Amino acid sequence: MDFKRHKDVLAYFNQYYIKTEKFPKMISKKISQASKVREDSDYDDEFTPTDEETKLQIDTAKELIKLVEEYFKKYNIK
């Protein structure tokens, strides 16, 4: 797969992994929220994430990594 935009990656993930229930719906919402903070950080010179927003980003990343590791283990993907 080759994507030119982050939103295309998210759309693909939602279509093939969320809608098929390979990953829980709640992670899609968390990824979307994380993406919004990333966009704000990249494109809004006045934006500074709070400590809480930063912690939430880290927690979401850890949760997604855990889910992907479990998925790989379940389907014996290396």
PDB file of N, CA and C in Angstrom:
ATOM      1  N   MET A   1       0.835  -1.177   0.000  1.00  0.00           N
ATOM      2  CA  MET A   1       0.000   0.000   0.000  1.00  0.00           C
ATOM      3  C   MET A   1       0.882   1.244   0.000  1.00  0.00           C
ATOM      4  N   ASP A   2       0.412   2.224  -0.695  1.00  0.00           N
ATOM      5  CA  ASP A   2       1.119   3.489  -0.740  1.00  0.00           C
ATOM      6  C   ASP A   2       0.081   4.601  -0.639  1.00  0.00           C
ATOM      7  N   PHE A   3       0.251   5.464   0.360  1.00  0.00           N
ATOM      8  CA  PHE A   3      -0.696   6.547   0.577  1.00  0.00           C
ATOM      9  C   PHE A   3       0.035   7.876   0.520  1.00  0.00           C
ATOM     10  N   LYS A   4      -0.641   8.870  -0.001  1.00  0.00           N
ATOM     11  CA  LYS A   4      -0.042  10.203  -0.105  1.00  0.00           C
ATOM     12  C   LYS A   4      -0.454  11.115   1.055  1.00  0.00           C
ATOM     13  N   ARG A   5      -1.567  10.780   1.711  1.00  0.00           N
ATOM     14  CA  ARG A   5      -2.066  11.630   2.798  1.00  0.00           C
ATOM     15  C   ARG A   5      -2.412  10.772   4.016  1.00  0.00           C
ATOM     16  N   HIS A   6      -2.264  11.375   5.192  1.00  0.00           N
ATOM     17  CA  HIS A   6      -2.600  10.674   6.426  1.00  0.00           C
ATOM     18  C   HIS A   6      -4.072  10.266   6.445  1.00  0.00           C
ATOM     19  N   LYS A   7      -4.934  11.145   5.945  1.00  0.00           N
ATOM     20  CA  LYS A   7      -6.370  10.830   5.996  1.00  0.00           C
ATOM     21  C   LYS A   7      -6.702   9.613   5.139  1.00  0.00           C
ATOM     22  N   ASP A   8      -5.918   9.354   4.096  1.00  0.00           N
ATOM     23  CA  ASP A   8      -6.132   8.155   3.282  1.00  0.00           C
ATOM     24  C   ASP A   8      -5.758   6.890   4.052  1.00  0.00           C
ATOM     25  N   VAL A   9      -4.714   6.969   4.844  1.00  0.00           N
ATOM     26  CA  VAL A   9      -4.319   5.844   5.694  1.00  0.00           C
ATOM     27  C   VAL A   9      -5.429   5.556   6.699  1.00  0.00           C
ATOM     28  N   LEU A  10      -5.944   6.613   7.327  1.00  0.00           N
ATOM     29  CA  LEU A  10      -7.017   6.446   8.311  1.00  0.00           C
ATOM     30  C   LEU A  10      -8.275   5.864   7.668  1.00  0.00           C
ATOM     31  N   ALA A  11      -8.613   6.325   6.482  1.00  0.00           N
ATOM     32  CA  ALA A  11      -9.795   5.807   5.782  1.00  0.00           C
ATOM     33  C   ALA A  11      -9.617   4.326   5.470  1.00  0.00           C
ATOM     34  N   TYR A  12      -8.438   3.942   5.004  1.00  0.00           N
ATOM     35  CA  TYR A  12      -8.153   2.532   4.700  1.00  0.00           C
ATOM     36  C   TYR A  12      -8.250   1.692   5.981  1.00  0.00           C
ATOM     37  N   PHE A  13      -7.626   2.177   7.048  1.00  0.00           N
ATOM     38  CA  PHE A  13      -7.654   1.464   8.328  1.00  0.00           C
ATOM     39  C   PHE A  13      -9.093   1.273   8.806  1.00  0.00           C
ATOM     40  N   ASN A  14      -9.892   2.324   8.708  1.00  0.00           N
ATOM     41  CA  ASN A  14     -11.284   2.225   9.136  1.00  0.00           C
ATOM     42  C   ASN A  14     -12.069   1.228   8.284  1.00  0.00           C
ATOM     43  N   GLN A  15     -11.843   1.260   6.990  1.00  0.00           N
ATOM     44  CA  GLN A  15     -12.586   0.377   6.093  1.00  0.00           C
ATOM     45  C   GLN A  15     -12.201  -1.085   6.281  1.00  0.00           C
ATOM     46  N   TYR A  16     -10.924  -1.382   6.390  1.00  0.00           N
ATOM     47  CA  TYR A  16     -10.468  -2.762   6.388  1.00  0.00           C
ATOM     48  C   TYR A  16     -10.181  -3.356   7.762  1.00  0.00           C
ATOM     49  N   TYR A  17     -10.106  -2.517   8.776  1.00  0.00           N
ATOM     50  CA  TYR A  17      -9.789  -3.047  10.097  1.00  0.00           C
ATOM     51  C   TYR A  17     -10.820  -2.703  11.168  1.00  0.00           C
ATOM     52  N   ILE A  18     -11.473  -1.558  11.039  1.00  0.00           N
ATOM     53  CA  ILE A  18     -12.493  -1.193  12.021  1.00  0.00           C
ATOM     54  C   ILE A  18     -13.849  -1.769  11.620  1.00  0.00           C
ATOM     55  N   LYS A  19     -14.269  -1.528  10.389  1.00  0.00           N
ATOM     56  CA  LYS A  19     -15.570  -2.021   9.934  1.00  0.00           C
ATOM     57  C   LYS A  19     -15.639  -3.543   9.921  1.00  0.00           C
ATOM     58  N   THR A  20     -14.499  -4.197   9.749  1.00  0.00           N
ATOM     59  CA  THR A  20     -14.466  -5.661   9.766  1.00  0.00           C
ATOM     60  C   THR A  20     -14.257  -6.194  11.184  1.00  0.00           C
ATOM     61  N   GLU A  21     -14.192  -5.280  12.143  1.00  0.00           N
ATOM     62  CA  GLU A  21     -14.073  -5.580  13.573  1.00  0.00           C
ATOM     63  C   GLU A  21     -12.795  -6.319  13.949  1.00  0.00           C
ATOM     64  N   LYS A  22     -11.745  -6.108  13.164  1.00  0.00           N
ATOM     65  CA  LYS A  22     -10.443  -6.660  13.527  1.00  0.00           C
ATOM     66  C   LYS A  22      -9.830  -5.837  14.656  1.00  0.00           C
ATOM     67  N   PHE A  23     -10.223  -4.567  14.719  1.00  0.00           N
ATOM     68  CA  PHE A  23      -9.819  -3.670  15.797  1.00  0.00           C
ATOM     69  C   PHE A  23     -11.077  -2.999  16.335  1.00  0.00           C
ATOM     70  N   PRO A  24     -11.096  -2.667  17.625  1.00  0.00           N
ATOM     71  CA  PRO A  24     -12.285  -2.039  18.212  1.00  0.00           C
ATOM     72  C   PRO A  24     -12.517  -0.613  17.693  1.00  0.00           C
ATOM     73  N   LYS A  25     -13.798  -0.240  17.622  1.00  0.00           N
ATOM     74  CA  LYS A  25     -14.181   1.086  17.129  1.00  0.00           C
ATOM     75  C   LYS A  25     -13.533   2.216  17.910  1.00  0.00           C
ATOM     76  N   MET A  26     -13.390   2.019  19.205  1.00  0.00           N
ATOM     77  CA  MET A  26     -12.872   3.101  20.044  1.00  0.00           C
ATOM     78  C   MET A  26     -11.462   3.513  19.641  1.00  0.00           C
ATOM     79  N   ILE A  27     -10.668   2.589  19.085  1.00  0.00           N
ATOM     80  CA  ILE A  27      -9.302   2.977  18.706  1.00  0.00           C
ATOM     81  C   ILE A  27      -9.333   3.907  17.500  1.00  0.00           C
ATOM     82  N   SER A  28     -10.308   3.736  16.635  1.00  0.00           N
ATOM     83  CA  SER A  28     -10.447   4.628  15.482  1.00  0.00           C
ATOM     84  C   SER A  28     -10.711   6.060  15.948  1.00  0.00           C
ATOM     85  N   LYS A  29     -11.571   6.199  16.931  1.00  0.00           N
ATOM     86  CA  LYS A  29     -11.877   7.530  17.467  1.00  0.00           C
ATOM     87  C   LYS A  29     -10.643   8.157  18.114  1.00  0.00           C
ATOM     88  N   LYS A  30      -9.889   7.340  18.842  1.00  0.00           N
ATOM     89  CA  LYS A  30      -8.687   7.846  19.502  1.00  0.00           C
ATOM     90  C   LYS A  30      -7.620   8.241  18.479  1.00  0.00           C
ATOM     91  N   ILE A  31      -7.494   7.449  17.418  1.00  0.00           N
ATOM     92  CA  ILE A  31      -6.523   7.780  16.371  1.00  0.00           C
ATOM     93  C   ILE A  31      -6.930   9.087  15.684  1.00  0.00           C
ATOM     94  N   SER A  32      -8.216   9.254  15.431  1.00  0.00           N
ATOM     95  CA  SER A  32      -8.696  10.491  14.799  1.00  0.00           C
ATOM     96  C   SER A  32      -8.405  11.702  15.676  1.00  0.00           C
ATOM     97  N   GLN A  33      -8.606  11.552  16.976  1.00  0.00           N
ATOM     98  CA  GLN A  33      -8.309  12.652  17.901  1.00  0.00           C
ATOM     99  C   GLN A  33      -6.811  12.951  17.912  1.00  0.00           C
ATOM    100  N   ALA A  34      -5.999  11.912  17.889  1.00  0.00           N
ATOM    101  CA  ALA A  34      -4.544  12.086  17.862  1.00  0.00           C
ATOM    102  C   ALA A  34      -4.119  12.777  16.565  1.00  0.00           C
ATOM    103  N   SER A  35      -4.757  12.403  15.485  1.00  0.00           N
ATOM    104  CA  SER A  35      -4.451  13.010  14.192  1.00  0.00           C
ATOM    105  C   SER A  35      -4.774  14.501  14.198  1.00  0.00           C
ATOM    106  N   LYS A  36      -5.867  14.868  14.832  1.00  0.00           N
ATOM    107  CA  LYS A  36      -6.249  16.289  14.926  1.00  0.00           C
ATOM    108  C   LYS A  36      -5.196  17.074  15.695  1.00  0.00           C
ATOM    109  N   VAL A  37      -4.724  16.515  16.798  1.00  0.00           N
ATOM    110  CA  VAL A  37      -3.689  17.199  17.580  1.00  0.00           C
ATOM    111  C   VAL A  37      -2.406  17.323  16.755  1.00  0.00           C
ATOM    112  N   ARG A  38      -2.047  16.278  16.010  1.00  0.00           N
ATOM    113  CA  ARG A  38      -0.860  16.324  15.159  1.00  0.00           C
ATOM    114  C   ARG A  38      -0.994  17.420  14.102  1.00  0.00           C
ATOM    115  N   GLU A  39      -2.157  17.475  13.463  1.00  0.00           N
ATOM    116  CA  GLU A  39      -2.388  18.507  12.442  1.00  0.00           C
ATOM    117  C   GLU A  39      -2.303  19.904  13.040  1.00  0.00           C
ATOM    118  N   ASP A  40      -2.930  20.078  14.197  1.00  0.00           N
ATOM    119  CA  ASP A  40      -2.871  21.381  14.865  1.00  0.00           C
ATOM    120  C   ASP A  40      -1.424  21.745  15.192  1.00  0.00           C
ATOM    121  N   SER A  41      -0.654  20.765  15.657  1.00  0.00           N
ATOM    122  CA  SER A  41       0.753  21.009  15.993  1.00  0.00           C
ATOM    123  C   SER A  41       1.573  21.371  14.765  1.00  0.00           C
ATOM    124  N   ASP A  42       1.275  20.704  13.658  1.00  0.00           N
ATOM    125  CA  ASP A  42       2.038  20.938  12.427  1.00  0.00           C
ATOM    126  C   ASP A  42       1.690  22.248  11.741  1.00  0.00           C
ATOM    127  N   TYR A  43       0.413  22.614  11.759  1.00  0.00           N
ATOM    128  CA  TYR A  43      -0.047  23.709  10.899  1.00  0.00           C
ATOM    129  C   TYR A  43      -0.494  24.971  11.617  1.00  0.00           C
ATOM    130  N   ASP A  44      -0.623  24.934  12.923  1.00  0.00           N
ATOM    131  CA  ASP A  44      -1.056  26.109  13.679  1.00  0.00           C
ATOM    132  C   ASP A  44       0.111  26.581  14.542  1.00  0.00           C
ATOM    133  N   ASP A  45       0.712  27.681  14.141  1.00  0.00           N
ATOM    134  CA  ASP A  45       1.877  28.191  14.857  1.00  0.00           C
ATOM    135  C   ASP A  45       1.586  28.542  16.315  1.00  0.00           C
ATOM    136  N   GLU A  46       0.347  28.837  16.608  1.00  0.00           N
ATOM    137  CA  GLU A  46      -0.029  29.236  17.965  1.00  0.00           C
ATOM    138  C   GLU A  46      -0.413  28.046  18.846  1.00  0.00           C
ATOM    139  N   PHE A  47      -0.498  26.856  18.273  1.00  0.00           N
ATOM    140  CA  PHE A  47      -0.968  25.682  19.022  1.00  0.00           C
ATOM    141  C   PHE A  47       0.159  25.067  19.839  1.00  0.00           C
ATOM    142  N   THR A  48      -0.109  24.860  21.106  1.00  0.00           N
ATOM    143  CA  THR A  48       0.794  24.132  21.990  1.00  0.00           C
ATOM    144  C   THR A  48      -0.051  23.124  22.756  1.00  0.00           C
ATOM    145  N   PRO A  49       0.204  21.835  22.561  1.00  0.00           N
ATOM    146  CA  PRO A  49      -0.606  20.852  23.275  1.00  0.00           C
ATOM    147  C   PRO A  49      -0.362  20.915  24.780  1.00  0.00           C
ATOM    148  N   THR A  50      -1.420  20.666  25.519  1.00  0.00           N
ATOM    149  CA  THR A  50      -1.311  20.639  26.977  1.00  0.00           C
ATOM    150  C   THR A  50      -0.629  19.341  27.410  1.00  0.00           C
ATOM    151  N   ASP A  51      -0.235  19.295  28.662  1.00  0.00           N
ATOM    152  CA  ASP A  51       0.341  18.061  29.206  1.00  0.00           C
ATOM    153  C   ASP A  51      -0.657  16.910  29.081  1.00  0.00           C
ATOM    154  N   GLU A  52      -1.922  17.221  29.315  1.00  0.00           N
ATOM    155  CA  GLU A  52      -2.969  16.197  29.220  1.00  0.00           C
ATOM    156  C   GLU A  52      -3.107  15.674  27.785  1.00  0.00           C
ATOM    157  N   GLU A  53      -3.087  16.583  26.814  1.00  0.00           N
ATOM    158  CA  GLU A  53      -3.168  16.171  25.406  1.00  0.00           C
ATOM    159  C   GLU A  53      -1.955  15.324  25.016  1.00  0.00           C
ATOM    160  N   THR A  54      -0.804  15.703  25.507  1.00  0.00           N
ATOM    161  CA  THR A  54       0.420  14.957  25.211  1.00  0.00           C
ATOM    162  C   THR A  54       0.351  13.559  25.810  1.00  0.00           C
ATOM    163  N   LYS A  55      -0.102  13.466  27.048  1.00  0.00           N
ATOM    164  CA  LYS A  55      -0.245  12.156  27.696  1.00  0.00           C
ATOM    165  C   LYS A  55      -1.250  11.295  26.939  1.00  0.00           C
ATOM    166  N   LEU A  56      -2.335  11.884  26.506  1.00  0.00           N
ATOM    167  CA  LEU A  56      -3.349  11.154  25.751  1.00  0.00           C
ATOM    168  C   LEU A  56      -2.765  10.617  24.440  1.00  0.00           C
ATOM    169  N   GLN A  57      -1.925  11.418  23.784  1.00  0.00           N
ATOM    170  CA  GLN A  57      -1.259  10.978  22.554  1.00  0.00           C
ATOM    171  C   GLN A  57      -0.400   9.751  22.827  1.00  0.00           C
ATOM    172  N   ILE A  58       0.370   9.805  23.889  1.00  0.00           N
ATOM    173  CA  ILE A  58       1.257   8.696  24.243  1.00  0.00           C
ATOM    174  C   ILE A  58       0.448   7.458  24.599  1.00  0.00           C
ATOM    175  N   ASP A  59      -0.612   7.640  25.382  1.00  0.00           N
ATOM    176  CA  ASP A  59      -1.470   6.507  25.770  1.00  0.00           C
ATOM    177  C   ASP A  59      -2.129   5.864  24.551  1.00  0.00           C
ATOM    178  N   THR A  60      -2.583   6.688  23.610  1.00  0.00           N
ATOM    179  CA  THR A  60      -3.204   6.172  22.390  1.00  0.00           C
ATOM    180  C   THR A  60      -2.186   5.377  21.578  1.00  0.00           C
ATOM    181  N   ALA A  61      -0.976   5.900  21.463  1.00  0.00           N
ATOM    182  CA  ALA A  61       0.070   5.194  20.712  1.00  0.00           C
ATOM    183  C   ALA A  61       0.383   3.846  21.356  1.00  0.00           C
ATOM    184  N   LYS A  62       0.507   3.819  22.675  1.00  0.00           N
ATOM    185  CA  LYS A  62       0.778   2.563  23.387  1.00  0.00           C
ATOM    186  C   LYS A  62      -0.356   1.566  23.190  1.00  0.00           C
ATOM    187  N   GLU A  63      -1.581   2.051  23.263  1.00  0.00           N
ATOM    188  CA  GLU A  63      -2.745   1.182  23.091  1.00  0.00           C
ATOM    189  C   GLU A  63      -2.787   0.603  21.678  1.00  0.00           C
ATOM    190  N   LEU A  64      -2.515   1.432  20.685  1.00  0.00           N
ATOM    191  CA  LEU A  64      -2.522   0.965  19.305  1.00  0.00           C
ATOM    192  C   LEU A  64      -1.408  -0.062  19.077  1.00  0.00           C
ATOM    193  N   ILE A  65      -0.235   0.203  19.609  1.00  0.00           N
ATOM    194  CA  ILE A  65       0.872  -0.755  19.475  1.00  0.00           C
ATOM    195  C   ILE A  65       0.486  -2.101  20.082  1.00  0.00           C
ATOM    196  N   LYS A  66      -0.128  -2.075  21.248  1.00  0.00           N
ATOM    197  CA  LYS A  66      -0.554  -3.319  21.901  1.00  0.00           C
ATOM    198  C   LYS A  66      -1.577  -4.060  21.037  1.00  0.00           C
ATOM    199  N   LEU A  67      -2.545  -3.342  20.496  1.00  0.00           N
ATOM    200  CA  LEU A  67      -3.563  -3.971  19.651  1.00  0.00           C
ATOM    201  C   LEU A  67      -2.951  -4.575  18.384  1.00  0.00           C
ATOM    202  N   VAL A  68      -2.004  -3.874  17.784  1.00  0.00           N
ATOM    203  CA  VAL A  68      -1.346  -4.380  16.576  1.00  0.00           C
ATOM    204  C   VAL A  68      -0.521  -5.617  16.919  1.00  0.00           C
ATOM    205  N   GLU A  69       0.190  -5.588  18.027  1.00  0.00           N
ATOM    206  CA  GLU A  69       0.968  -6.766  18.448  1.00  0.00           C
ATOM    207  C   GLU A  69       0.054  -7.968  18.669  1.00  0.00           C
ATOM    208  N   GLU A  70      -1.090  -7.751  19.302  1.00  0.00           N
ATOM    209  CA  GLU A  70      -2.052  -8.836  19.520  1.00  0.00           C
ATOM    210  C   GLU A  70      -2.599  -9.359  18.199  1.00  0.00           C
ATOM    211  N   TYR A  71      -2.869  -8.455  17.274  1.00  0.00           N
ATOM    212  CA  TYR A  71      -3.363  -8.833  15.947  1.00  0.00           C
ATOM    213  C   TYR A  71      -2.323  -9.688  15.222  1.00  0.00           C
ATOM    214  N   PHE A  72      -1.082  -9.248  15.252  1.00  0.00           N
ATOM    215  CA  PHE A  72      -0.010 -10.008  14.604  1.00  0.00           C
ATOM    216  C   PHE A  72       0.125 -11.395  15.215  1.00  0.00           C
ATOM    217  N   LYS A  73       0.047 -11.460  16.523  1.00  0.00           N
ATOM    218  CA  LYS A  73       0.161 -12.749  17.207  1.00  0.00           C
ATOM    219  C   LYS A  73      -1.005 -13.668  16.841  1.00  0.00           C
ATOM    220  N   LYS A  74      -2.211 -13.125  16.828  1.00  0.00           N
ATOM    221  CA  LYS A  74      -3.409 -13.905  16.523  1.00  0.00           C
ATOM    222  C   LYS A  74      -3.347 -14.495  15.118  1.00  0.00           C
ATOM    223  N   TYR A  75      -2.839 -13.719  14.163  1.00  0.00           N
ATOM    224  CA  TYR A  75      -2.803 -14.162  12.764  1.00  0.00           C
ATOM    225  C   TYR A  75      -1.400 -14.634  12.346  1.00  0.00           C
ATOM    226  N   ASN A  76      -0.519 -14.820  13.323  1.00  0.00           N
ATOM    227  CA  ASN A  76       0.837 -15.325  13.094  1.00  0.00           C
ATOM    228  C   ASN A  76       1.563 -14.520  12.009  1.00  0.00           C
ATOM    229  N   ILE A  77       1.523 -13.210  12.160  1.00  0.00           N
ATOM    230  CA  ILE A  77       2.183 -12.301  11.229  1.00  0.00           C
ATOM    231  C   ILE A  77       3.509 -11.876  11.843  1.00  0.00           C
ATOM    232  N   LYS A  78       4.569 -11.919  11.046  1.00  0.00           N
ATOM    233  CA  LYS A  78       5.897 -11.530  11.567  1.00  0.00           C
ATOM    234  C   LYS A  78       6.426 -10.340  10.830  1.00  0.00           C
TER     235      LYS A  78
END
